Amino acid sequence: MSALGVRRAGLRQILQLIRRFQQGQILRHLLRITISLALLPLDSTILFVAIAIGHLSSLFSHSGPAKRRSEILRDVQFRPKTILITGVNTPHGLRVARCFYQEGHRVVGADITDIALASGESMSRALLAYYRIPKPQYGSKLLDVIQREKADLWIPCSQDTSVMEDAMAKQSIESKTGCKCITLDAEVAMQWSHRETFMQYLIENDLPIMECHQVQSRDSIHRILHRSPTKLYHLRRSAPALKQDTTIVLPKRTLSLTYLEVSEIQVSKDCPWLMQQQSRLGEFVADLLVVRGHVAAITIRPAKEESDWGCSPLNDGVAAAIQKLMENFALKSGPRNTGHLSVRLMVDQELNVNSIRYVVHIAACAHGAATITQLLHSTPVYSLISGYLAICSESGVVPNHSPEVLHGHNRTGLSKNPSQRPSLFRMLKGYDVRKVLPALYPVAQLVDRALYEVVELLFWKNWRFSTTDPLPWWWHTHVYQPSRELNLVLQHH
């Protein structure tokens, strides 16, 4: 066969693969539409029952969200605020909107999208108005919405915009309107977005970080150990090209063993080693809402999902040490520090004669809409709303909540990580079956994805569903999503 024939045969095979892929995509779209139509009678019945129960409870019940909202609105001293929330098409965005609505405020929702079809979240009873903001005109359109609705507070929850885009929008909004913004200033956001500049900021403000030294002699190793006798270090070669990387733990049980170990290390200027401080208790995460340099809400959790840390009286000391450091961290950043933060922390313990002291070091910091989820699910509504609204008050003072309120009523302040849905992929990965059956991993991922999509159609696992606000779930499942699937099918043709 000639070279031209080989090329044509290869091209035909590529086109066949593309057609098969497109056919598979079309079948998946059609399957989702079919499932949505099959569940329509059941889900419509659930929708009407939920609406009926909501109306009856508002008429006869003496408690509940509807009753609380009506009581708040009857208070002559209550002054509702207009809250703009971008990203109501996210779980945390819709939850924040519902929380503010229950507390009697006017809520305006917006999504960063070019799709003209109304989303399920736009149908929420919590929203007084809803806007679609195109990504290319994000800053200008956002400013138009704020001026039109006379918004008092903007809370960015969208994951379709970057931290710097939100920071630049804040600069424009607060300079031209009276609206306050729950996001970092552009200068702070830029500094904290890069690890090197963030670490430099921590050092300049005398905040604790994990030590990391490049050592070039045995004397420098001894000096570091003598300066910090209670700290634990890992020592490894700096050269990344070495296939077998030896890690040495220092100090040893006795001083003589430590000296013996160091004396055998071949370290010099030409062959430096890296000496990194380690934490004995592991890594934790503090999710924060910071308003004008004060912690308005905080949730503390272990970084690893399988960690045994959680609600236990033995964890009080760890939680107290972390909270104290986070309050100091927020305070040193000053009034410009307003936003959602997720701070990674390394916790060490120093054993004294009659006591144990917990020492917390800051390892990294993430900020923006992506850090909100855990905080919202672990913080009481009143604490969250009052923390947000503190920025709108003339004094700007954040309410001084008790530790129980700040930590979501956990006595210790340490929250357990939320249990994840069952996953075939994670189970197989735990047994490391790839060595035996390498094809099982992608199959397991496909099974997990299919199960997730089926479960999403069931209201009791869908974050859009609420007994007091069921329409977003129904509209998304039976109007918005099928319309998008049908549009994708037509595009393939």
Protein backbone atom coordinates (compact mmCIF):
# COMPACT_ATOMS: atom_id res chain seq x y z
CA MET A 1 0.00 0.00 0.00
CA SER A 2 1.26 3.41 -0.91
CA ALA A 3 1.94 6.15 1.61
CA LEU A 4 -1.15 8.01 0.37
CA GLY A 5 -3.31 4.94 0.95
CA VAL A 6 -1.96 4.57 4.49
CA ARG A 7 -2.81 8.20 5.24
CA ARG A 8 -6.34 7.79 3.90
CA ALA A 9 -6.90 4.62 5.93
CA GLY A 10 -5.65 6.37 9.05
CA LEU A 11 -7.92 9.35 8.37
CA ARG A 12 -10.94 7.05 7.93
CA GLN A 13 -10.21 5.38 11.27
CA ILE A 14 -9.97 8.78 12.99
CA LEU A 15 -13.30 9.88 11.44
CA GLN A 16 -14.94 6.62 12.55
CA LEU A 17 -13.71 7.13 16.11
CA ILE A 18 -15.07 10.70 16.09
CA ARG A 19 -18.47 9.47 14.82
CA ARG A 20 -18.62 6.77 17.52
CA PHE A 21 -17.73 9.28 20.18
CA GLN A 22 -20.41 11.67 18.94
CA GLN A 23 -22.96 8.86 18.83
CA GLY A 24 -22.09 7.94 22.41
CA GLN A 25 -22.46 11.56 23.46
CA ILE A 26 -25.86 11.80 21.74
CA LEU A 27 -27.05 8.62 23.46
CA ARG A 28 -26.03 10.01 26.84
CA HIS A 29 -27.93 13.26 26.17
CA LEU A 30 -31.02 11.35 25.06
CA LEU A 31 -30.83 9.05 28.09
CA ARG A 32 -30.82 12.03 30.45
CA ILE A 33 -33.81 13.56 28.67
CA THR A 34 -35.67 10.21 28.89
CA ILE A 35 -34.98 9.87 32.62
CA SER A 36 -36.18 13.43 33.20
CA LEU A 37 -39.45 12.74 31.32
CA ALA A 38 -39.96 9.45 33.17
CA LEU A 39 -39.60 11.16 36.57
CA LEU A 40 -41.73 14.17 35.62
CA PRO A 41 -45.07 12.87 37.08
CA LEU A 42 -43.47 11.83 40.38
CA ASP A 43 -41.41 14.99 40.76
CA SER A 44 -44.38 17.22 39.84
CA THR A 45 -46.43 15.55 42.56
CA ILE A 46 -43.63 16.15 45.06
CA LEU A 47 -43.44 19.79 43.94
CA PHE A 48 -47.18 20.45 44.47
CA VAL A 49 -47.19 18.62 47.82
CA ALA A 50 -44.19 20.66 49.05
CA ILE A 51 -45.85 23.92 47.95
CA ALA A 52 -49.13 22.94 49.65
CA ILE A 53 -47.37 21.98 52.88
CA GLY A 54 -45.48 25.27 52.79
CA HIS A 55 -48.69 27.30 52.50
CA LEU A 56 -50.43 25.32 55.24
CA SER A 57 -47.47 25.62 57.62
CA SER A 58 -47.33 29.39 57.07
CA LEU A 59 -51.03 29.63 58.00
CA PHE A 60 -51.18 27.31 61.01
CA SER A 61 -47.63 26.83 62.29
CA HIS A 62 -46.27 29.06 65.06
CA SER A 63 -42.66 28.41 64.08
CA GLY A 64 -40.61 27.76 60.96
CA PRO A 65 -38.76 29.86 58.37
CA ALA A 66 -41.89 31.52 56.93
CA LYS A 67 -43.17 32.50 60.37
CA ARG A 68 -39.76 33.83 61.38
CA ARG A 69 -39.51 35.95 58.23
CA SER A 70 -42.98 37.47 58.74
CA GLU A 71 -42.17 38.29 62.39
CA ILE A 72 -38.92 39.97 61.34
CA LEU A 73 -40.70 42.07 58.70
CA ARG A 74 -43.33 43.19 61.24
CA ASP A 75 -40.62 44.64 63.48
CA VAL A 76 -40.74 48.42 62.97
CA GLN A 77 -37.05 48.74 63.88
CA PHE A 78 -35.93 46.25 61.23
CA ARG A 79 -34.22 47.81 58.19
CA PRO A 80 -33.87 45.26 55.37
CA LYS A 81 -30.74 45.40 53.25
CA THR A 82 -30.46 44.68 49.53
CA ILE A 83 -28.01 41.84 49.02
CA LEU A 84 -26.52 40.99 45.63
CA ILE A 85 -25.20 37.44 45.32
CA THR A 86 -23.32 36.41 42.19
CA GLY A 87 -23.12 32.68 41.62
CA VAL A 88 -26.57 31.59 42.85
CA ASN A 89 -26.15 28.61 40.52
CA THR A 90 -23.72 27.13 43.07
CA PRO A 91 -24.72 25.25 46.26
CA HIS A 92 -23.19 27.89 48.52
CA GLY A 93 -24.57 30.81 46.51
CA LEU A 94 -28.16 29.54 46.67
CA ARG A 95 -27.80 28.74 50.37
CA VAL A 96 -26.57 32.24 51.20
CA ALA A 97 -29.51 33.70 49.24
CA ARG A 98 -32.00 31.57 51.15
CA CYS A 99 -30.41 32.49 54.49
CA PHE A 100 -30.70 36.23 53.81
CA TYR A 101 -34.28 35.80 52.58
CA GLN A 102 -35.25 33.97 55.78
CA GLU A 103 -33.81 36.85 57.77
CA GLY A 104 -36.09 39.35 55.97
CA HIS A 105 -33.66 40.94 53.50
CA ARG A 106 -34.08 41.71 49.77
CA VAL A 107 -31.96 39.30 47.71
CA VAL A 108 -30.87 39.89 44.13
CA GLY A 109 -29.27 36.94 42.34
CA ALA A 110 -26.92 36.86 39.37
CA ASP A 111 -24.97 34.26 37.41
CA ILE A 112 -21.95 34.66 35.17
CA THR A 113 -23.40 33.12 32.00
CA ASP A 114 -24.28 33.76 28.37
CA ILE A 115 -27.13 31.22 28.32
CA ALA A 116 -30.49 32.87 27.74
CA LEU A 117 -32.57 30.05 29.25
CA ALA A 118 -33.67 30.68 32.85
CA SER A 119 -31.82 28.42 35.28
CA GLY A 120 -33.49 26.56 38.13
CA GLU A 121 -31.83 28.77 40.73
CA SER A 122 -33.36 31.87 39.14
CA MET A 123 -36.79 30.49 40.12
CA SER A 124 -36.01 30.55 43.83
CA ARG A 125 -38.53 32.39 45.98
CA ALA A 126 -35.57 33.90 47.82
CA LEU A 127 -34.73 36.12 44.81
CA LEU A 128 -36.45 39.44 44.28
CA ALA A 129 -34.66 39.85 40.92
CA TYR A 130 -32.27 37.80 38.78
CA TYR A 131 -29.62 38.85 36.23
CA ARG A 132 -27.34 37.12 33.74
CA ILE A 133 -23.92 38.74 33.54
CA PRO A 134 -21.72 37.93 30.50
CA LYS A 135 -18.15 37.08 31.47
CA PRO A 136 -16.50 39.60 29.06
CA GLN A 137 -18.49 42.50 30.61
CA TYR A 138 -18.27 41.21 34.19
CA GLY A 139 -17.11 44.38 35.94
CA SER A 140 -19.27 46.90 34.06
CA LYS A 141 -22.47 44.82 34.11
CA LEU A 142 -22.01 44.05 37.79
CA LEU A 143 -21.72 47.76 38.54
CA ASP A 144 -24.90 48.40 36.50
CA VAL A 145 -26.85 45.83 38.51
CA ILE A 146 -25.65 47.28 41.82
CA GLN A 147 -26.64 50.80 40.81
CA ARG A 148 -30.01 49.68 39.43
CA GLU A 149 -30.95 47.63 42.50
CA LYS A 150 -29.27 50.00 44.99
CA ALA A 151 -27.48 47.04 46.56
CA ASP A 152 -26.01 47.49 50.03
CA LEU A 153 -23.83 44.39 50.00
CA TRP A 154 -22.24 42.20 47.32
CA ILE A 155 -21.22 38.61 48.11
CA PRO A 156 -19.36 36.90 45.23
CA CYS A 157 -20.05 33.16 45.21
CA SER A 158 -19.41 32.42 41.54
CA GLN A 159 -16.69 29.97 40.61
CA ASP A 160 -16.59 31.30 37.04
CA THR A 161 -14.55 34.36 38.02
CA SER A 162 -11.07 34.64 39.47
CA VAL A 163 -10.11 36.20 42.78
CA MET A 164 -8.41 39.07 40.99
CA GLU A 165 -11.50 39.76 38.84
CA ASP A 166 -13.59 40.03 42.01
CA ALA A 167 -10.97 42.24 43.63
CA MET A 168 -10.87 44.62 40.66
CA ALA A 169 -14.67 44.73 40.60
CA LYS A 170 -14.66 45.60 44.30
CA GLN A 171 -12.32 48.52 43.69
CA SER A 172 -14.69 49.96 41.08
CA ILE A 173 -17.87 49.29 43.06
CA GLU A 174 -16.77 50.77 46.37
CA SER A 175 -15.30 53.85 44.68
CA LYS A 176 -18.52 54.62 42.77
CA THR A 177 -21.30 53.34 45.03
CA GLY A 178 -22.09 52.82 48.71
CA CYS A 179 -22.19 49.04 48.24
CA LYS A 180 -19.81 46.99 50.40
CA CYS A 181 -18.05 43.91 49.04
CA ILE A 182 -17.11 40.62 50.72
CA THR A 183 -13.84 40.08 48.90
CA LEU A 184 -10.20 41.06 49.35
CA ASP A 185 -8.68 44.26 48.00
CA ALA A 186 -6.70 43.88 44.78
CA GLU A 187 -3.35 44.50 46.47
CA VAL A 188 -3.96 41.95 49.24
CA ALA A 189 -5.43 39.42 46.80
CA MET A 190 -2.35 39.69 44.56
CA GLN A 191 0.04 39.32 47.48
CA TRP A 192 -1.77 36.30 48.93
CA SER A 193 -2.25 34.54 45.59
CA HIS A 194 1.44 33.58 45.34
CA ARG A 195 3.12 31.38 47.92
CA GLU A 196 6.40 33.32 47.95
CA THR A 197 4.81 36.72 48.55
CA PHE A 198 2.35 35.26 51.06
CA MET A 199 5.18 33.70 53.07
CA GLN A 200 7.06 36.98 52.95
CA TYR A 201 3.94 38.71 54.29
CA LEU A 202 3.78 36.23 57.21
CA ILE A 203 7.45 36.77 58.06
CA GLU A 204 7.10 40.57 57.94
CA ASN A 205 4.10 40.42 60.29
CA ASP A 206 5.77 38.01 62.72
CA LEU A 207 3.27 35.21 62.05
CA PRO A 208 4.48 31.62 62.53
CA ILE A 209 5.42 29.57 59.47
CA MET A 210 6.99 26.15 59.03
CA GLU A 211 10.78 26.40 58.96
CA CYS A 212 12.66 25.31 55.83
CA HIS A 213 16.45 25.65 55.59
CA GLN A 214 19.02 24.69 53.02
CA VAL A 215 22.00 23.51 55.07
CA GLN A 216 25.55 23.22 53.75
CA SER A 217 27.42 21.95 56.81
CA ARG A 218 26.96 19.79 59.89
CA ASP A 219 27.49 22.85 62.10
CA SER A 220 24.46 24.58 60.56
CA ILE A 221 22.35 21.48 61.27
CA HIS A 222 23.44 21.50 64.93
CA ARG A 223 22.76 25.23 65.25
CA ILE A 224 19.18 24.81 64.02
CA LEU A 225 18.60 21.85 66.36
CA HIS A 226 20.03 23.69 69.38
CA ARG A 227 18.00 26.82 68.61
CA SER A 228 14.73 24.85 68.51
CA PRO A 229 15.16 21.72 70.66
CA THR A 230 11.41 20.96 70.78
CA LYS A 231 10.87 20.95 67.00
CA LEU A 232 10.93 17.96 64.66
CA TYR A 233 12.78 18.11 61.32
CA HIS A 234 13.10 16.00 58.19
CA LEU A 235 16.44 16.17 56.45
CA ARG A 236 16.77 15.17 52.78
CA ARG A 237 19.09 15.88 49.87
CA SER A 238 18.31 18.99 47.83
CA ALA A 239 19.27 17.41 44.50
CA PRO A 240 16.00 16.45 42.75
CA ALA A 241 17.73 14.16 40.25
CA LEU A 242 18.55 11.50 42.84
CA LYS A 243 16.42 8.38 42.38
CA GLN A 244 16.64 7.25 46.00
CA ASP A 245 15.89 10.11 48.32
CA THR A 246 16.95 9.43 51.90
CA THR A 247 14.94 11.14 54.64
CA ILE A 248 16.48 11.53 58.10
CA VAL A 249 14.35 12.44 61.12
CA LEU A 250 16.00 14.75 63.68
CA PRO A 251 16.48 14.94 66.61
CA LYS A 252 16.83 11.34 67.75
CA ARG A 253 15.81 9.94 71.14
CA THR A 254 19.07 10.99 72.76
CA LEU A 255 21.64 13.70 72.10
CA SER A 256 24.38 11.15 71.39
CA LEU A 257 22.27 9.40 68.74
CA THR A 258 21.56 12.78 67.14
CA TYR A 259 25.27 13.64 66.95
CA LEU A 260 26.04 10.19 65.56
CA GLU A 261 23.40 10.55 62.84
CA VAL A 262 24.56 14.03 61.83
CA SER A 263 28.23 12.96 61.73
CA GLU A 264 27.41 10.44 58.98
CA ILE A 265 25.70 12.98 56.71
CA GLN A 266 27.76 13.99 53.66
CA VAL A 267 26.77 17.67 53.43
CA SER A 268 28.70 20.54 51.80
CA LYS A 269 28.24 23.58 49.59
CA ASP A 270 28.36 21.33 46.56
CA CYS A 271 25.96 18.84 48.13
CA PRO A 272 23.45 20.79 50.28
CA TRP A 273 20.55 19.21 52.19
CA LEU A 274 17.04 20.50 52.85
CA MET A 275 15.94 20.70 56.49
CA GLN A 276 12.16 21.02 56.89
CA GLN A 277 10.19 21.35 60.08
CA GLN A 278 7.46 18.74 60.57
CA SER A 279 4.27 18.77 62.62
CA ARG A 280 3.50 15.98 65.05
CA LEU A 281 -0.28 16.36 65.00
CA GLY A 282 -0.74 16.88 61.27
CA GLU A 283 -2.48 19.37 59.02
CA PHE A 284 -5.69 21.29 59.71
CA VAL A 285 -7.80 23.79 57.78
CA ALA A 286 -9.48 26.91 59.18
CA ASP A 287 -12.32 28.21 56.99
CA LEU A 288 -12.96 31.87 57.82
CA LEU A 289 -15.29 34.73 57.15
CA VAL A 290 -13.19 37.82 57.90
CA VAL A 291 -14.78 41.27 58.02
CA ARG A 292 -12.53 44.34 58.33
CA GLY A 293 -9.76 42.37 59.98
CA HIS A 294 -11.98 40.49 62.46
CA VAL A 295 -13.05 36.84 62.40
CA ALA A 296 -16.83 36.82 61.96
CA ALA A 297 -17.21 33.04 61.52
CA ILE A 298 -14.79 30.13 61.66
CA THR A 299 -14.83 26.38 61.11
CA ILE A 300 -11.82 24.22 61.96
CA ARG A 301 -11.40 20.76 60.45
CA PRO A 302 -8.66 18.19 59.79
CA ALA A 303 -7.17 18.42 56.30
CA LYS A 304 -7.40 14.67 55.66
CA GLU A 305 -10.86 13.23 55.11
CA GLU A 306 -10.04 9.98 56.91
CA SER A 307 -8.68 11.75 59.99
CA ASP A 308 -9.85 10.64 63.46
CA TRP A 309 -9.96 14.23 64.70
CA GLY A 310 -13.44 15.51 65.45
CA CYS A 311 -15.83 16.26 68.29
CA SER A 312 -13.94 15.24 71.41
CA PRO A 313 -13.02 17.13 74.61
CA LEU A 314 -9.39 16.18 73.95
CA ASN A 315 -9.37 18.53 70.96
CA ASP A 316 -10.21 21.70 72.89
CA GLY A 317 -6.57 22.76 73.15
CA VAL A 318 -5.93 22.37 69.41
CA ALA A 319 -9.07 24.34 68.49
CA ALA A 320 -8.25 27.12 70.96
CA ALA A 321 -4.68 27.45 69.65
CA ILE A 322 -5.86 27.59 66.04
CA GLN A 323 -8.58 30.13 66.80
CA LYS A 324 -6.16 32.40 68.65
CA LEU A 325 -3.72 32.38 65.73
CA MET A 326 -6.50 33.04 63.18
CA GLU A 327 -7.75 36.04 65.15
CA ASN A 328 -4.20 37.41 65.24
CA PHE A 329 -3.75 36.71 61.51
CA ALA A 330 -6.98 38.55 60.64
CA LEU A 331 -6.20 41.47 62.94
CA LYS A 332 -2.70 42.04 61.51
CA SER A 333 -4.05 42.27 57.97
CA GLY A 334 -6.17 45.25 59.02
CA PRO A 335 -9.48 46.64 57.73
CA ARG A 336 -8.66 45.74 54.12
CA ASN A 337 -8.99 42.05 54.99
CA THR A 338 -12.63 41.24 54.19
CA GLY A 339 -13.55 37.99 52.49
CA HIS A 340 -13.68 34.22 52.64
CA LEU A 341 -10.41 32.49 53.50
CA SER A 342 -9.28 28.90 53.85
CA VAL A 343 -6.02 28.72 55.79
CA ARG A 344 -3.93 25.54 55.90
CA LEU A 345 -2.21 25.00 59.23
CA MET A 346 0.41 22.63 60.62
CA VAL A 347 -0.03 21.83 64.32
CA ASP A 348 2.86 20.69 66.49
CA GLN A 349 2.96 19.87 70.18
CA GLU A 350 5.69 20.73 72.63
CA LEU A 351 5.94 18.51 75.70
CA ASN A 352 6.90 20.30 78.90
CA VAL A 353 7.31 18.79 82.34
CA ASN A 354 3.67 19.21 83.43
CA SER A 355 1.85 20.32 80.30
CA ILE A 356 1.40 20.04 76.55
CA ARG A 357 1.58 23.15 74.41
CA TYR A 358 0.10 23.27 70.92
CA VAL A 359 2.05 25.33 68.38
CA VAL A 360 0.31 26.29 65.14
CA HIS A 361 2.08 27.32 61.93
CA ILE A 362 0.52 28.78 58.78
CA ALA A 363 1.30 26.75 55.65
CA ALA A 364 -0.87 28.31 52.92
CA CYS A 365 -3.95 30.43 52.30
CA ALA A 366 -6.68 30.20 49.65
CA HIS A 367 -9.34 32.86 49.24
CA GLY A 368 -12.46 33.57 47.25
CA ALA A 369 -15.68 31.76 46.40
CA ALA A 370 -14.07 28.31 46.30
CA THR A 371 -13.42 28.43 50.07
CA ILE A 372 -17.03 29.06 51.19
CA THR A 373 -18.62 25.60 51.06
CA GLN A 374 -17.40 24.06 54.32
CA LEU A 375 -17.93 27.28 56.27
CA LEU A 376 -21.58 27.55 55.18
CA HIS A 377 -22.41 23.98 56.13
CA SER A 378 -20.88 24.26 59.61
CA THR A 379 -21.85 27.77 60.72
CA PRO A 380 -25.23 28.79 62.24
CA VAL A 381 -27.31 31.04 60.01
CA TYR A 382 -27.50 33.87 62.56
CA SER A 383 -23.73 33.96 63.02
CA LEU A 384 -23.17 33.98 59.26
CA ILE A 385 -25.71 36.70 58.43
CA SER A 386 -24.67 39.00 61.28
CA GLY A 387 -21.03 38.58 60.23
CA TYR A 388 -21.80 39.61 56.64
CA LEU A 389 -23.92 42.58 57.72
CA ALA A 390 -21.24 43.90 60.10
CA ILE A 391 -19.52 45.52 57.14
CA CYS A 392 -22.67 47.57 56.45
CA SER A 393 -22.91 48.95 59.99
CA GLU A 394 -21.61 52.43 60.72
CA SER A 395 -19.32 51.16 63.45
CA GLY A 396 -18.14 48.19 61.38
CA VAL A 397 -17.82 46.15 64.58
CA VAL A 398 -18.14 42.40 64.13
CA PRO A 399 -20.47 40.77 66.69
CA ASN A 400 -18.53 39.12 69.50
CA HIS A 401 -19.93 35.60 69.36
CA SER A 402 -19.17 32.94 71.90
CA PRO A 403 -16.85 30.10 70.84
CA GLU A 404 -19.86 27.78 70.57
CA VAL A 405 -21.50 30.08 68.01
CA LEU A 406 -18.27 30.69 66.13
CA HIS A 407 -17.60 27.01 65.80
CA GLY A 408 -21.05 25.94 64.72
CA HIS A 409 -22.04 24.73 68.20
CA ASN A 410 -19.26 22.15 68.28
CA ARG A 411 -17.96 22.12 71.81
CA THR A 412 -14.39 21.56 70.66
CA GLY A 413 -14.47 23.76 67.60
CA LEU A 414 -13.20 20.91 65.41
CA SER A 415 -15.61 19.78 62.72
CA LYS A 416 -15.57 16.36 61.17
CA ASN A 417 -15.14 16.31 57.43
CA PRO A 418 -18.45 15.62 55.68
CA SER A 419 -18.87 12.00 54.68
CA GLN A 420 -18.48 11.54 50.95
CA ARG A 421 -20.85 9.54 48.80
CA PRO A 422 -19.77 5.93 48.11
CA SER A 423 -17.20 5.70 45.35
CA LEU A 424 -16.15 2.56 43.48
CA PHE A 425 -13.07 4.38 42.17
CA ARG A 426 -11.81 5.29 45.67
CA MET A 427 -12.41 1.73 46.88
CA LEU A 428 -10.41 0.22 43.99
CA LYS A 429 -7.69 2.83 44.40
CA GLY A 430 -7.37 1.86 48.06
CA TYR A 431 -6.61 -1.71 47.02
CA ASP A 432 -4.31 -0.54 44.19
CA VAL A 433 -5.85 -2.87 41.61
CA ARG A 434 -4.20 -1.06 38.67
CA LYS A 435 -1.23 -3.41 38.92
CA VAL A 436 -3.55 -6.36 38.24
CA LEU A 437 -6.38 -4.90 36.12
CA PRO A 438 -5.35 -1.46 34.80
CA ALA A 439 -8.63 -1.03 32.86
CA LEU A 440 -10.74 -1.03 36.04
CA TYR A 441 -9.93 2.56 37.07
CA PRO A 442 -11.58 4.34 34.10
CA VAL A 443 -14.54 1.92 34.29
CA ALA A 444 -14.99 2.70 37.98
CA GLN A 445 -14.89 6.44 37.26
CA LEU A 446 -17.63 6.03 34.63
CA VAL A 447 -19.77 4.04 37.09
CA ASP A 448 -19.32 6.73 39.77
CA ARG A 449 -20.27 9.47 37.31
CA ALA A 450 -23.40 7.59 36.19
CA LEU A 451 -24.50 6.95 39.78
CA TYR A 452 -23.91 10.61 40.65
CA GLU A 453 -26.11 11.78 37.77
CA VAL A 454 -28.90 9.39 38.79
CA VAL A 455 -28.71 10.49 42.41
CA GLU A 456 -28.79 14.16 41.31
CA LEU A 457 -32.21 13.52 39.79
CA LEU A 458 -33.54 12.41 43.16
CA PHE A 459 -34.63 15.41 45.22
CA TRP A 460 -33.35 14.21 48.60
CA LYS A 461 -29.75 14.39 47.41
CA ASN A 462 -30.09 17.54 45.32
CA TRP A 463 -28.82 20.79 46.82
CA ARG A 464 -31.42 22.77 44.85
CA PHE A 465 -34.27 21.11 46.71
CA SER A 466 -35.75 22.67 49.82
CA THR A 467 -39.14 21.90 51.36
CA THR A 468 -39.78 25.64 51.55
CA ASP A 469 -38.30 26.41 48.11
CA PRO A 470 -38.73 23.35 45.81
CA LEU A 471 -39.16 25.08 42.44
CA PRO A 472 -35.42 25.52 41.65
CA TRP A 473 -34.94 21.74 41.85
CA TRP A 474 -37.98 20.93 39.67
CA TRP A 475 -37.19 23.59 37.05
CA HIS A 476 -33.55 22.53 36.75
CA THR A 477 -34.40 18.82 36.43
CA HIS A 478 -37.34 19.05 34.03
CA VAL A 479 -36.90 22.33 32.11
CA TYR A 480 -33.38 23.75 32.18
CA GLN A 481 -31.28 20.58 31.98
CA PRO A 482 -33.42 18.75 29.34
CA SER A 483 -33.41 21.91 27.20
CA ARG A 484 -29.63 22.06 27.34
CA GLU A 485 -29.34 18.35 26.53
CA LEU A 486 -31.66 18.76 23.54
CA ASN A 487 -29.65 21.74 22.31
CA LEU A 488 -26.43 19.67 22.51
CA VAL A 489 -28.08 16.86 20.52
CA LEU A 490 -29.07 19.32 17.80
CA GLN A 491 -25.54 20.72 17.72
CA HIS A 492 -24.12 17.25 17.00
CA HIS A 493 -26.33 17.09 13.90
